[in-house]
């Protein structure tokens, strides 16, 4: 009897471990698949919630049928794996466990629905914020475009005014010259000639003075250069005299 109970416990433990591993593998694969889904796929997934619920009900019906078929063997194994003192309370424990699983499954479904609703609300809030930002950017770009247009118009107006002023400054003296008499024109010509001759004399004298100053500066620089060369020559001679004297003394001693 002890061997049979030990074998039953080992078998039940192995079955539970296999179920836990399978559940972990399925959950991991499902989470990876859900993280890879795009926004459109998630929307399609939300739309196909009814189909999923039907599939879930179908799977639940199959699992319940399988559980109903294997209930005697499972009860036997569970009864053998329990001590004799706890075999009498097994039906009550199974009922409590069943009720708890149903309650936890309902709570999980409710939490998933709440999370789905919260995610949808967050997505709608983000969309509203995006539309508000687009509206603000549109008005800001319109304001900047209007300011740029005003600046361009102002620059063009300034350029047009400057062009008109230049034309007027060029044509005004010409109109005045055409309205003048012959005597007035001759007087203006003589005055212009006198001013030009006076300016040329002044500029010529100024250039002559500048040339004289440049010549003096060049002479001073040449004199300084020659003086520096003279000083360097005498300094080298002074430094070379002791060396030459030592060389002559050494040569006389050798002779």
Protein backbone atom coordinates (compact mmCIF):
# COMPACT_ATOMS: atom_id res chain seq x y z
CA UNK A 1 0.00 0.00 0.00
CA UNK A 2 2.84 2.36 0.83
CA UNK A 3 4.46 1.63 -2.52
CA UNK A 4 1.19 2.28 -4.35
CA UNK A 5 0.65 5.61 -2.51
CA UNK A 6 4.25 6.68 -3.21
CA UNK A 7 3.89 5.87 -6.90
CA UNK A 8 0.60 7.78 -7.07
CA UNK A 9 2.11 10.81 -5.37
CA UNK A 10 5.12 10.75 -7.70
CA UNK A 11 2.89 10.43 -10.75
CA UNK A 12 0.64 13.31 -9.60
CA UNK A 13 3.68 15.48 -8.86
CA UNK A 14 5.11 14.82 -12.32
CA UNK A 15 1.77 15.65 -13.96
CA UNK A 16 1.52 18.95 -12.04
CA UNK A 17 5.09 19.90 -12.95
CA UNK A 18 4.44 19.13 -16.63
CA UNK A 19 1.30 21.29 -16.56
CA UNK A 20 3.15 24.19 -14.93
CA UNK A 21 5.94 24.02 -17.52
CA UNK A 22 3.46 23.90 -20.37
CA UNK A 23 1.56 26.88 -18.93
CA UNK A 24 4.80 28.88 -18.60
CA UNK A 25 5.81 28.10 -22.21
CA UNK A 26 2.36 29.11 -23.51
CA UNK A 27 2.34 32.35 -21.47
CA UNK A 28 5.84 33.30 -22.66
CA UNK A 29 4.96 32.69 -26.31
CA UNK A 30 1.72 34.65 -25.96
CA UNK A 31 3.46 37.65 -24.34
CA UNK A 32 6.10 37.74 -27.09
CA UNK A 33 3.37 37.58 -29.73
CA UNK A 34 1.34 40.35 -28.01
CA UNK A 35 4.42 42.63 -27.74
CA UNK A 36 5.11 42.25 -31.47
CA UNK A 37 1.61 43.25 -32.50
CA UNK A 38 1.21 46.66 -34.11
CA UNK A 39 -1.53 49.18 -33.34
CA UNK A 40 -3.66 48.03 -36.29
CA UNK A 41 -3.28 44.39 -35.27
CA UNK A 42 -4.34 45.30 -31.75
CA UNK A 43 -7.42 47.05 -33.12
CA UNK A 44 -8.23 43.98 -35.20
CA UNK A 45 -7.65 41.88 -32.15
CA UNK A 46 -10.06 44.05 -30.16
CA UNK A 47 -12.66 43.77 -32.91
CA UNK A 48 -12.30 40.00 -32.96
CA UNK A 49 -13.05 39.75 -29.23
CA UNK A 50 -16.33 37.99 -29.94
CA UNK A 51 -14.59 35.33 -32.02
CA UNK A 52 -12.03 34.87 -29.28
CA UNK A 53 -14.72 34.47 -26.65
CA UNK A 54 -16.34 31.78 -28.80
CA UNK A 55 -13.01 30.04 -29.16
CA UNK A 56 -12.42 30.29 -25.40
CA UNK A 57 -15.85 28.79 -24.72
CA UNK A 58 -15.10 25.97 -27.16
CA UNK A 59 -11.77 25.25 -25.48
CA UNK A 60 -13.42 25.38 -22.06
CA UNK A 61 -16.09 22.93 -23.20
CA UNK A 62 -13.43 20.52 -24.49
CA UNK A 63 -11.42 20.81 -21.25
CA UNK A 64 -14.55 20.24 -19.16
CA UNK A 65 -15.43 17.15 -21.20
CA UNK A 66 -11.90 15.84 -20.77
CA UNK A 67 -12.02 16.53 -17.05
CA UNK A 68 -15.36 14.74 -16.81
CA UNK A 69 -13.98 11.69 -18.62
CA UNK A 70 -10.81 11.55 -16.51
CA UNK A 71 -12.49 12.48 -13.22
CA UNK A 72 -12.57 8.92 -11.76
CA UNK A 73 -8.90 8.25 -12.42
CA UNK A 74 -7.91 11.68 -11.11
CA UNK A 75 -9.98 11.20 -7.98
CA UNK A 76 -8.37 7.82 -7.47
CA UNK A 77 -4.89 9.26 -7.87
CA UNK A 78 -5.68 12.23 -5.64
CA UNK A 79 -7.19 9.94 -3.02
CA UNK A 80 -4.18 7.64 -3.07
CA UNK A 81 -1.82 10.59 -2.79
CA UNK A 82 -3.57 11.87 0.34
CA UNK A 83 -3.20 10.37 3.79
CA UNK A 84 -6.07 8.22 4.96
CA UNK A 85 -7.17 10.85 7.48
CA UNK A 86 -7.74 13.44 4.72
CA UNK A 87 -9.46 11.19 2.17
CA UNK A 88 -12.87 11.86 3.70
CA UNK A 89 -12.63 15.65 3.32
CA UNK A 90 -11.43 15.51 -0.31
CA UNK A 91 -14.84 16.27 -1.93
CA UNK A 92 -15.28 19.40 0.20
CA UNK A 93 -11.74 20.55 -0.61
CA UNK A 94 -12.33 19.93 -4.31
CA UNK A 95 -15.57 21.94 -4.17
CA UNK A 96 -13.81 24.84 -2.44
CA UNK A 97 -10.96 24.72 -4.94
CA UNK A 98 -13.38 24.67 -7.87
CA UNK A 99 -15.26 27.68 -6.49
CA UNK A 100 -12.01 29.54 -5.89
CA UNK A 101 -10.78 28.84 -9.43
CA UNK A 102 -14.06 30.07 -10.89
CA UNK A 103 -13.88 33.22 -8.76
CA UNK A 104 -10.22 33.89 -9.67
CA UNK A 105 -10.95 33.31 -13.38
CA UNK A 106 -13.86 35.80 -13.28
CA UNK A 107 -11.67 38.37 -11.48
CA UNK A 108 -8.92 37.90 -14.06
CA UNK A 109 -11.40 38.37 -16.93
CA UNK A 110 -12.75 41.53 -15.28
CA UNK A 111 -9.22 42.87 -14.77
CA UNK A 112 -8.39 42.19 -18.41
CA UNK A 113 -11.53 44.00 -19.54
CA UNK A 114 -10.71 46.96 -17.29
CA UNK A 115 -7.15 47.05 -18.62
CA UNK A 116 -8.47 46.94 -22.18
CA UNK A 117 -10.85 49.83 -21.47
CA UNK A 118 -8.11 51.81 -19.76
CA UNK A 119 -5.79 51.23 -22.71
CA UNK A 120 -8.49 52.35 -25.13
CA UNK A 121 -9.16 55.49 -23.04
CA UNK A 122 -5.43 56.25 -22.89
CA UNK A 123 -5.20 55.85 -26.66
CA UNK A 124 -8.15 58.21 -27.19
CA UNK A 125 -6.58 60.74 -24.80
CA UNK A 126 -3.30 60.57 -26.71
CA UNK A 127 -5.15 61.07 -29.98
CA UNK A 128 -6.92 64.13 -28.57
CA UNK A 129 -3.61 65.54 -27.36
CA UNK A 130 -2.09 64.93 -30.81
CA UNK A 131 -4.96 66.78 -32.51
CA UNK A 132 -4.60 69.70 -30.08
CA UNK A 133 -0.87 69.87 -30.73
CA UNK A 134 -1.51 69.84 -34.50
CA UNK A 135 -4.03 72.69 -34.12
CA UNK A 136 -1.59 74.77 -32.04
CA UNK A 137 1.20 74.13 -34.54
CA UNK A 138 -1.09 75.12 -37.43
CA UNK A 139 -1.99 78.47 -35.83
CA UNK A 140 1.65 79.10 -34.87
CA UNK A 141 2.85 78.40 -38.43
CA UNK A 142 0.12 80.69 -39.79
CA UNK A 143 1.24 83.48 -37.45
CA UNK A 144 4.89 83.06 -38.48
CA UNK A 145 3.91 83.00 -42.17
CA UNK A 146 1.94 86.24 -41.77
CA UNK A 147 4.90 87.90 -40.01
CA UNK A 148 7.23 86.72 -42.78
CA UNK A 149 4.85 88.09 -45.42
CA UNK A 150 4.72 91.45 -43.65
CA UNK A 151 8.52 91.54 -43.47
CA UNK A 152 8.84 90.69 -47.16
CA UNK A 153 6.32 93.38 -48.09
CA UNK A 154 8.16 95.92 -45.96
CA UNK A 155 11.52 95.03 -47.56
CA UNK A 156 10.03 95.25 -51.04
CA UNK A 157 8.44 98.60 -50.19
CA UNK A 158 11.80 99.88 -48.90
CA UNK A 159 13.56 98.67 -52.04
CA UNK A 160 10.96 100.34 -54.26
CA UNK A 161 11.32 103.63 -52.34
CA UNK A 162 15.13 103.45 -52.59
CA UNK A 163 14.88 102.83 -56.32
CA UNK A 164 12.54 105.79 -56.80
CA UNK A 165 14.88 107.99 -54.76
CA UNK A 166 17.88 106.89 -56.84
CA UNK A 167 16.02 107.66 -60.07
CA UNK A 168 14.97 111.03 -58.75
CA UNK A 169 18.49 111.88 -57.62
CA UNK A 170 19.79 110.96 -61.05
CA UNK A 171 17.09 112.75 -63.05
CA UNK A 172 16.66 115.82 -60.79
CA UNK A 173 19.98 117.50 -61.64
CA UNK A 174 19.38 116.70 -65.30
CA UNK A 175 16.02 118.45 -65.21
CA UNK A 176 17.64 121.43 -63.44
CA UNK A 177 20.40 121.55 -66.08
CA UNK A 178 17.84 121.57 -68.87
CA UNK A 179 15.92 124.43 -67.23
CA UNK A 180 19.05 126.59 -66.82
CA UNK A 181 20.06 129.45 -69.19
CA UNK A 182 23.28 129.56 -71.17
CA UNK A 183 24.91 132.13 -68.84
CA UNK A 184 23.99 130.10 -65.77
CA UNK A 185 25.40 126.95 -67.37
CA UNK A 186 28.67 128.70 -68.24
CA UNK A 187 28.97 130.04 -64.67
CA UNK A 188 28.40 126.56 -63.19
CA UNK A 189 30.95 125.11 -65.59
CA UNK A 190 33.60 127.70 -64.57
CA UNK A 191 32.88 127.09 -60.88
CA UNK A 192 33.20 123.34 -61.35
CA UNK A 193 36.47 123.82 -63.23
CA UNK A 194 37.90 126.02 -60.45
CA UNK A 195 36.89 123.52 -57.77
CA UNK A 196 38.42 120.64 -59.71
CA UNK A 197 41.69 122.51 -60.33
CA UNK A 198 41.94 123.49 -56.63
CA UNK A 199 41.33 119.89 -55.56
CA UNK A 200 43.93 118.57 -58.00
CA UNK A 201 46.55 121.05 -56.68
CA UNK A 202 45.78 120.05 -53.12
CA UNK A 203 45.89 116.31 -53.88
CA UNK A 204 49.17 116.72 -55.82
CA UNK A 205 50.84 118.59 -52.93
CA UNK A 206 49.53 116.04 -50.49
CA UNK A 207 50.89 113.19 -52.59
CA UNK A 208 54.24 114.93 -52.89
CA UNK A 209 54.44 115.31 -49.08
CA UNK A 210 53.53 111.69 -48.64
CA UNK A 211 56.22 110.65 -51.10
CA UNK A 212 58.81 112.77 -49.28
CA UNK A 213 57.87 111.23 -45.94
CA UNK A 214 58.08 107.75 -47.43
CA UNK A 215 61.52 108.57 -48.84
CA UNK A 216 62.72 109.79 -45.43
CA UNK A 217 61.36 106.68 -43.74
CA UNK A 218 63.09 104.43 -46.30
CA UNK A 219 66.39 106.31 -45.82
CA UNK A 220 66.12 105.96 -42.03
CA UNK A 221 65.43 102.26 -42.34
CA UNK A 222 68.38 101.83 -44.72
CA UNK A 223 70.64 103.75 -42.33
CA UNK A 224 69.49 101.63 -39.39
CA UNK A 225 70.07 98.47 -41.40
CA UNK A 226 73.63 99.53 -42.35
CA UNK A 227 74.35 100.54 -38.75
CA UNK A 228 73.16 97.15 -37.52
CA UNK A 229 75.36 95.40 -40.09
CA UNK A 230 78.36 97.53 -38.99
CA UNK A 231 77.75 96.72 -35.31
CA UNK A 232 77.44 93.02 -36.04
CA UNK A 233 80.67 93.08 -38.06
CA UNK A 234 82.70 94.73 -35.26
CA UNK A 235 81.17 92.42 -32.66
CA UNK A 236 82.12 89.32 -34.64
CA UNK A 237 85.63 90.70 -35.13
CA UNK A 238 85.88 91.27 -31.38
CA UNK A 239 84.73 87.72 -30.67
CA UNK A 240 87.06 86.24 -33.29
CA UNK A 241 90.30 87.98 -32.16
CA UNK A 242 90.93 85.81 -29.04
CA UNK A 243 90.23 82.64 -31.03
CA UNK A 244 92.64 83.66 -33.78
CA UNK A 245 95.33 84.56 -31.18
CA UNK A 246 94.97 81.13 -29.53
CA UNK A 247 95.26 79.41 -32.89
CA UNK A 248 98.45 81.38 -33.75
CA UNK A 249 100.01 80.55 -30.37
CA UNK A 250 99.22 76.86 -30.82
CA UNK A 251 100.71 76.91 -34.31
CA UNK A 252 103.94 78.64 -33.08
CA UNK A 253 104.31 76.07 -30.31
CA UNK A 254 103.98 73.24 -32.78
CA UNK A 255 106.68 74.80 -34.99
